[in-house]
Amino acid sequence: QVQLVESGGGLVQAGGSLRLSCAASGRTFNNYAMGWFRQAPGKEREFVATISWGGITTDYADSVKGRFTIPRSNAKNTVYLQMNSLKPEDTAVYYCAARDSYYGPRYEYDYWGQGTQVTVSS
């Protein structure tokens, strides 16, 4: 089992930045690919970004490319979501997730955190 706990959400003005953290515990963190997803009110959960276990390979949703990055620290068992140039449409609950393989169906992850709210005001 892997336990994931997100933090760092909050209220920010449009154009601002936030860094979300996802701390993992349980099994060996560096065996897992990590992902970030988000869900806005009344909408389905959507993919945001993913990173391979070694941090070499990443992928981003088109809506966040050039604004968000997904660094990880295997020494700290933590993956981050650095969000810059935030827009009101980025408002959502953000979730991190973990799975054994970087490659696979985009939404099929084995472990999920409880989420952290990000609100971007205009």
N, C-alpha and C. Protein backbone atom coordinates (compact mmCIF):
# COMPACT_ATOMS: atom_id res chain seq x y z
N GLN A 1 0.83 -1.20 0.00
CA GLN A 1 0.00 0.00 0.00
C GLN A 1 0.87 1.25 0.00
N VAL A 2 0.36 2.26 -0.65
CA VAL A 2 1.00 3.58 -0.66
C VAL A 2 -0.02 4.59 -0.19
N GLN A 3 0.36 5.41 0.76
CA GLN A 3 -0.51 6.49 1.21
C GLN A 3 0.01 7.81 0.64
N LEU A 4 -0.92 8.60 0.12
CA LEU A 4 -0.57 9.87 -0.51
C LEU A 4 -1.32 11.00 0.19
N VAL A 5 -0.59 12.05 0.53
CA VAL A 5 -1.20 13.20 1.20
C VAL A 5 -0.79 14.47 0.47
N GLU A 6 -1.78 15.16 -0.10
CA GLU A 6 -1.51 16.41 -0.80
C GLU A 6 -1.57 17.60 0.16
N SER A 7 -0.84 18.64 -0.18
CA SER A 7 -0.88 19.88 0.58
C SER A 7 -0.47 21.02 -0.33
N GLY A 8 -0.69 22.25 0.14
CA GLY A 8 -0.24 23.41 -0.61
C GLY A 8 -1.32 24.15 -1.36
N GLY A 9 -2.54 23.63 -1.33
CA GLY A 9 -3.62 24.32 -2.01
C GLY A 9 -3.99 25.61 -1.30
N GLY A 10 -4.83 26.40 -1.95
CA GLY A 10 -5.27 27.64 -1.35
C GLY A 10 -5.89 28.56 -2.36
N LEU A 11 -6.02 29.82 -1.97
CA LEU A 11 -6.60 30.85 -2.81
C LEU A 11 -5.49 31.73 -3.36
N VAL A 12 -5.52 31.96 -4.66
CA VAL A 12 -4.50 32.79 -5.31
C VAL A 12 -5.15 33.61 -6.40
N GLN A 13 -4.60 34.77 -6.67
CA GLN A 13 -5.12 35.60 -7.74
C GLN A 13 -4.63 35.10 -9.09
N ALA A 14 -5.40 35.39 -10.11
CA ALA A 14 -5.00 35.03 -11.46
C ALA A 14 -3.63 35.63 -11.77
N GLY A 15 -2.80 34.81 -12.41
CA GLY A 15 -1.43 35.21 -12.70
C GLY A 15 -0.43 34.81 -11.65
N GLY A 16 -0.92 34.37 -10.52
CA GLY A 16 -0.05 33.96 -9.42
C GLY A 16 0.43 32.54 -9.55
N SER A 17 1.13 32.09 -8.51
CA SER A 17 1.72 30.75 -8.50
C SER A 17 1.39 30.02 -7.21
N LEU A 18 1.37 28.71 -7.30
CA LEU A 18 1.25 27.83 -6.14
C LEU A 18 2.09 26.60 -6.39
N ARG A 19 2.58 26.00 -5.32
CA ARG A 19 3.26 24.71 -5.44
C ARG A 19 2.54 23.71 -4.54
N LEU A 20 2.00 22.70 -5.18
CA LEU A 20 1.39 21.61 -4.44
C LEU A 20 2.43 20.54 -4.14
N SER A 21 2.26 19.89 -3.00
CA SER A 21 3.13 18.78 -2.62
C SER A 21 2.29 17.54 -2.41
N CYS A 22 2.87 16.40 -2.69
CA CYS A 22 2.22 15.11 -2.43
C CYS A 22 3.26 14.22 -1.76
N ALA A 23 3.06 13.98 -0.49
CA ALA A 23 3.98 13.16 0.29
C ALA A 23 3.50 11.72 0.29
N ALA A 24 4.40 10.81 -0.01
CA ALA A 24 4.06 9.39 -0.08
C ALA A 24 4.68 8.63 1.07
N SER A 25 3.96 7.65 1.55
CA SER A 25 4.49 6.75 2.58
C SER A 25 4.01 5.34 2.28
N GLY A 26 4.67 4.37 2.87
CA GLY A 26 4.31 2.99 2.63
C GLY A 26 5.40 2.31 1.83
N ARG A 27 5.09 1.88 0.64
CA ARG A 27 6.06 1.17 -0.18
C ARG A 27 7.06 2.14 -0.81
N THR A 28 8.09 1.61 -1.42
CA THR A 28 9.18 2.42 -1.94
C THR A 28 8.69 3.40 -2.98
N PHE A 29 8.84 4.69 -2.68
CA PHE A 29 8.31 5.75 -3.52
C PHE A 29 8.93 5.73 -4.90
N ASN A 30 10.23 5.48 -4.99
CA ASN A 30 10.87 5.61 -6.29
C ASN A 30 10.59 4.44 -7.22
N ASN A 31 9.71 3.54 -6.81
CA ASN A 31 9.25 2.49 -7.72
C ASN A 31 8.03 2.91 -8.52
N TYR A 32 7.49 4.09 -8.21
CA TYR A 32 6.20 4.47 -8.76
C TYR A 32 6.27 5.68 -9.67
N ALA A 33 5.51 5.59 -10.76
CA ALA A 33 5.21 6.78 -11.54
C ALA A 33 4.12 7.55 -10.80
N MET A 34 4.18 8.87 -10.92
CA MET A 34 3.25 9.72 -10.20
C MET A 34 2.48 10.60 -11.16
N GLY A 35 1.27 10.93 -10.79
CA GLY A 35 0.45 11.80 -11.61
C GLY A 35 -0.31 12.80 -10.78
N TRP A 36 -0.68 13.89 -11.43
CA TRP A 36 -1.59 14.87 -10.85
C TRP A 36 -2.83 14.96 -11.72
N PHE A 37 -3.97 15.04 -11.05
CA PHE A 37 -5.25 15.18 -11.72
C PHE A 37 -6.02 16.29 -11.02
N ARG A 38 -7.09 16.76 -11.64
CA ARG A 38 -7.92 17.77 -11.00
C ARG A 38 -9.38 17.57 -11.38
N GLN A 39 -10.23 18.06 -10.50
CA GLN A 39 -11.66 17.96 -10.76
C GLN A 39 -12.33 19.25 -10.31
N ALA A 40 -12.94 19.92 -11.26
CA ALA A 40 -13.67 21.15 -10.99
C ALA A 40 -15.13 20.80 -10.70
N PRO A 41 -15.85 21.66 -10.01
CA PRO A 41 -17.26 21.39 -9.69
C PRO A 41 -18.07 21.13 -10.94
N GLY A 42 -18.81 20.03 -10.93
CA GLY A 42 -19.68 19.70 -12.05
C GLY A 42 -18.97 19.12 -13.25
N LYS A 43 -17.66 18.89 -13.12
CA LYS A 43 -16.89 18.34 -14.24
C LYS A 43 -16.24 17.02 -13.85
N GLU A 44 -15.84 16.27 -14.87
CA GLU A 44 -15.16 15.02 -14.63
C GLU A 44 -13.69 15.30 -14.25
N ARG A 45 -13.11 14.31 -13.58
CA ARG A 45 -11.69 14.42 -13.23
C ARG A 45 -10.88 14.44 -14.52
N GLU A 46 -9.87 15.30 -14.57
CA GLU A 46 -9.04 15.39 -15.76
C GLU A 46 -7.56 15.27 -15.42
N PHE A 47 -6.83 14.71 -16.35
CA PHE A 47 -5.40 14.56 -16.23
C PHE A 47 -4.70 15.92 -16.28
N VAL A 48 -3.67 16.08 -15.45
CA VAL A 48 -2.89 17.31 -15.46
C VAL A 48 -1.44 17.03 -15.88
N ALA A 49 -0.78 16.09 -15.19
CA ALA A 49 0.62 15.84 -15.48
C ALA A 49 1.03 14.50 -14.89
N THR A 50 2.11 13.94 -15.44
CA THR A 50 2.64 12.70 -14.91
C THR A 50 4.16 12.69 -15.05
N ILE A 51 4.81 11.92 -14.20
CA ILE A 51 6.27 11.82 -14.21
C ILE A 51 6.68 10.38 -13.95
N SER A 52 7.70 9.93 -14.63
CA SER A 52 8.19 8.57 -14.45
C SER A 52 8.91 8.42 -13.11
N TRP A 53 9.19 7.16 -12.73
CA TRP A 53 9.76 6.92 -11.42
C TRP A 53 11.11 7.61 -11.25
N GLY A 54 11.89 7.69 -12.32
CA GLY A 54 13.20 8.31 -12.23
C GLY A 54 13.20 9.80 -12.51
N GLY A 55 12.03 10.33 -12.87
CA GLY A 55 11.93 11.76 -13.14
C GLY A 55 12.39 12.18 -14.52
N ILE A 56 12.71 11.20 -15.38
CA ILE A 56 13.25 11.53 -16.70
C ILE A 56 12.14 11.91 -17.67
N THR A 57 11.02 11.24 -17.57
CA THR A 57 9.95 11.40 -18.55
C THR A 57 8.75 12.06 -17.90
N THR A 58 8.21 13.07 -18.58
CA THR A 58 7.02 13.76 -18.09
C THR A 58 6.04 13.96 -19.24
N ASP A 59 4.81 14.22 -18.87
CA ASP A 59 3.77 14.52 -19.85
C ASP A 59 2.79 15.48 -19.20
N TYR A 60 2.22 16.36 -20.00
CA TYR A 60 1.32 17.38 -19.47
C TYR A 60 0.08 17.49 -20.34
N ALA A 61 -1.01 17.87 -19.71
CA ALA A 61 -2.20 18.23 -20.46
C ALA A 61 -1.91 19.50 -21.25
N ASP A 62 -2.51 19.60 -22.41
CA ASP A 62 -2.29 20.78 -23.25
C ASP A 62 -2.65 22.07 -22.51
N SER A 63 -3.65 21.99 -21.65
CA SER A 63 -4.14 23.19 -20.97
C SER A 63 -3.14 23.75 -19.96
N VAL A 64 -2.15 22.96 -19.56
CA VAL A 64 -1.19 23.43 -18.55
C VAL A 64 0.24 23.48 -19.07
N LYS A 65 0.48 23.01 -20.27
CA LYS A 65 1.85 23.02 -20.82
C LYS A 65 2.41 24.44 -20.83
N GLY A 66 3.66 24.54 -20.39
CA GLY A 66 4.31 25.85 -20.33
C GLY A 66 4.01 26.63 -19.06
N ARG A 67 3.04 26.17 -18.26
CA ARG A 67 2.69 26.86 -17.01
C ARG A 67 2.95 25.99 -15.78
N PHE A 68 2.74 24.70 -15.89
CA PHE A 68 2.90 23.76 -14.77
C PHE A 68 4.10 22.87 -15.01
N THR A 69 4.75 22.47 -13.93
CA THR A 69 5.78 21.44 -13.98
C THR A 69 5.56 20.45 -12.85
N ILE A 70 6.12 19.23 -13.01
CA ILE A 70 5.91 18.15 -12.04
C ILE A 70 7.24 17.57 -11.61
N PRO A 71 8.00 18.29 -10.79
CA PRO A 71 9.24 17.72 -10.28
C PRO A 71 8.97 16.72 -9.16
N ARG A 72 9.92 15.88 -8.89
CA ARG A 72 9.80 14.94 -7.78
C ARG A 72 11.13 14.83 -7.06
N SER A 73 11.05 14.48 -5.79
CA SER A 73 12.24 14.22 -4.99
C SER A 73 12.08 12.84 -4.38
N ASN A 74 12.79 11.87 -4.92
CA ASN A 74 12.69 10.52 -4.37
C ASN A 74 13.32 10.45 -2.97
N ALA A 75 14.27 11.33 -2.70
CA ALA A 75 14.88 11.38 -1.37
C ALA A 75 13.87 11.81 -0.32
N LYS A 76 12.92 12.65 -0.73
CA LYS A 76 11.90 13.16 0.19
C LYS A 76 10.56 12.46 0.04
N ASN A 77 10.50 11.46 -0.85
CA ASN A 77 9.23 10.74 -1.10
C ASN A 77 8.10 11.71 -1.44
N THR A 78 8.42 12.69 -2.26
CA THR A 78 7.46 13.75 -2.55
C THR A 78 7.47 14.09 -4.04
N VAL A 79 6.28 14.30 -4.56
CA VAL A 79 6.13 14.84 -5.91
C VAL A 79 5.43 16.20 -5.77
N TYR A 80 5.79 17.10 -6.64
CA TYR A 80 5.27 18.45 -6.57
C TYR A 80 4.50 18.79 -7.85
N LEU A 81 3.68 19.80 -7.76
CA LEU A 81 3.08 20.40 -8.94
C LEU A 81 3.30 21.90 -8.81
N GLN A 82 4.25 22.42 -9.58
CA GLN A 82 4.51 23.84 -9.60
C GLN A 82 3.60 24.48 -10.62
N MET A 83 2.75 25.38 -10.14
CA MET A 83 1.74 25.98 -11.02
C MET A 83 2.01 27.48 -11.11
N ASN A 84 2.30 27.93 -12.31
CA ASN A 84 2.56 29.35 -12.57
C ASN A 84 1.51 29.91 -13.52
N SER A 85 1.41 31.22 -13.56
CA SER A 85 0.46 31.89 -14.45
C SER A 85 -0.94 31.30 -14.32
N LEU A 86 -1.38 31.17 -13.10
CA LEU A 86 -2.66 30.51 -12.84
C LEU A 86 -3.82 31.31 -13.42
N LYS A 87 -4.84 30.56 -13.84
CA LYS A 87 -6.04 31.13 -14.44
C LYS A 87 -7.25 30.70 -13.62
N PRO A 88 -8.33 31.45 -13.67
CA PRO A 88 -9.54 31.02 -12.95
C PRO A 88 -9.99 29.62 -13.34
N GLU A 89 -9.78 29.23 -14.58
CA GLU A 89 -10.19 27.89 -15.02
C GLU A 89 -9.32 26.78 -14.45
N ASP A 90 -8.26 27.13 -13.74
CA ASP A 90 -7.46 26.12 -13.04
C ASP A 90 -8.08 25.77 -11.68
N THR A 91 -9.12 26.47 -11.28
CA THR A 91 -9.78 26.18 -10.01
C THR A 91 -10.34 24.76 -10.00
N ALA A 92 -9.95 24.00 -9.00
CA ALA A 92 -10.36 22.59 -8.91
C ALA A 92 -9.79 21.99 -7.64
N VAL A 93 -10.23 20.79 -7.33
CA VAL A 93 -9.55 19.96 -6.34
C VAL A 93 -8.48 19.18 -7.08
N TYR A 94 -7.26 19.24 -6.58
CA TYR A 94 -6.13 18.58 -7.21
C TYR A 94 -5.77 17.32 -6.43
N TYR A 95 -5.58 16.23 -7.18
CA TYR A 95 -5.28 14.93 -6.60
C TYR A 95 -3.95 14.41 -7.14
N CYS A 96 -3.16 13.80 -6.29
CA CYS A 96 -2.01 13.07 -6.81
C CYS A 96 -2.32 11.57 -6.78
N ALA A 97 -1.60 10.84 -7.60
CA ALA A 97 -1.84 9.41 -7.75
C ALA A 97 -0.53 8.71 -8.06
N ALA A 98 -0.49 7.40 -7.79
CA ALA A 98 0.72 6.61 -8.00
C ALA A 98 0.37 5.28 -8.67
N ARG A 99 1.29 4.79 -9.48
CA ARG A 99 1.13 3.46 -10.08
C ARG A 99 2.49 2.89 -10.42
N ASP A 100 2.51 1.58 -10.68
CA ASP A 100 3.77 0.87 -10.91
C ASP A 100 4.46 1.31 -12.19
N SER A 101 3.68 1.57 -13.23
CA SER A 101 4.27 1.82 -14.54
C SER A 101 3.91 3.21 -15.05
N TYR A 102 4.87 3.88 -15.66
CA TYR A 102 4.61 5.17 -16.29
C TYR A 102 3.65 5.01 -17.46
N TYR A 103 3.76 3.89 -18.17
CA TYR A 103 2.95 3.68 -19.38
C TYR A 103 1.69 2.91 -19.01
N GLY A 104 0.58 3.34 -19.55
CA GLY A 104 -0.69 2.69 -19.27
C GLY A 104 -1.82 3.66 -19.52
N PRO A 105 -3.06 3.18 -19.39
CA PRO A 105 -4.22 4.07 -19.56
C PRO A 105 -4.09 5.29 -18.65
N ARG A 106 -4.40 6.42 -19.20
CA ARG A 106 -4.08 7.68 -18.53
C ARG A 106 -4.66 7.79 -17.14
N TYR A 107 -5.85 7.24 -16.91
CA TYR A 107 -6.52 7.44 -15.63
C TYR A 107 -6.44 6.24 -14.70
N GLU A 108 -5.73 5.23 -15.09
CA GLU A 108 -5.65 4.02 -14.26
C GLU A 108 -4.43 4.07 -13.35
N TYR A 109 -4.68 4.54 -12.14
CA TYR A 109 -3.66 4.59 -11.11
C TYR A 109 -4.10 3.74 -9.93
N ASP A 110 -3.14 3.24 -9.20
CA ASP A 110 -3.43 2.30 -8.12
C ASP A 110 -3.76 3.00 -6.81
N TYR A 111 -3.16 4.15 -6.59
CA TYR A 111 -3.31 4.85 -5.31
C TYR A 111 -3.63 6.32 -5.57
N TRP A 112 -4.50 6.85 -4.71
CA TRP A 112 -4.94 8.24 -4.84
C TRP A 112 -4.88 8.95 -3.51
N GLY A 113 -4.56 10.24 -3.55
CA GLY A 113 -4.65 11.05 -2.35
C GLY A 113 -6.06 11.58 -2.16
N GLN A 114 -6.25 12.36 -1.11
CA GLN A 114 -7.58 12.85 -0.77
C GLN A 114 -7.91 14.18 -1.45
N GLY A 115 -6.91 14.83 -2.02
CA GLY A 115 -7.14 16.06 -2.76
C GLY A 115 -6.87 17.31 -1.96
N THR A 116 -6.55 18.39 -2.67
CA THR A 116 -6.36 19.69 -2.06
C THR A 116 -6.98 20.74 -2.98
N GLN A 117 -7.68 21.69 -2.39
CA GLN A 117 -8.44 22.67 -3.16
C GLN A 117 -7.53 23.80 -3.62
N VAL A 118 -7.65 24.13 -4.89
CA VAL A 118 -6.99 25.31 -5.46
C VAL A 118 -8.07 26.21 -6.04
N THR A 119 -8.06 27.46 -5.61
CA THR A 119 -9.03 28.43 -6.10
C THR A 119 -8.28 29.63 -6.66
N VAL A 120 -8.56 29.95 -7.91
CA VAL A 120 -7.90 31.08 -8.57
C VAL A 120 -8.95 32.17 -8.82
N SER A 121 -8.75 33.31 -8.22
CA SER A 121 -9.71 34.41 -8.37
C SER A 121 -9.30 35.31 -9.53
N SER A 122 -10.31 35.87 -10.18
CA SER A 122 -10.05 36.74 -11.34
C SER A 122 -9.86 38.18 -10.92
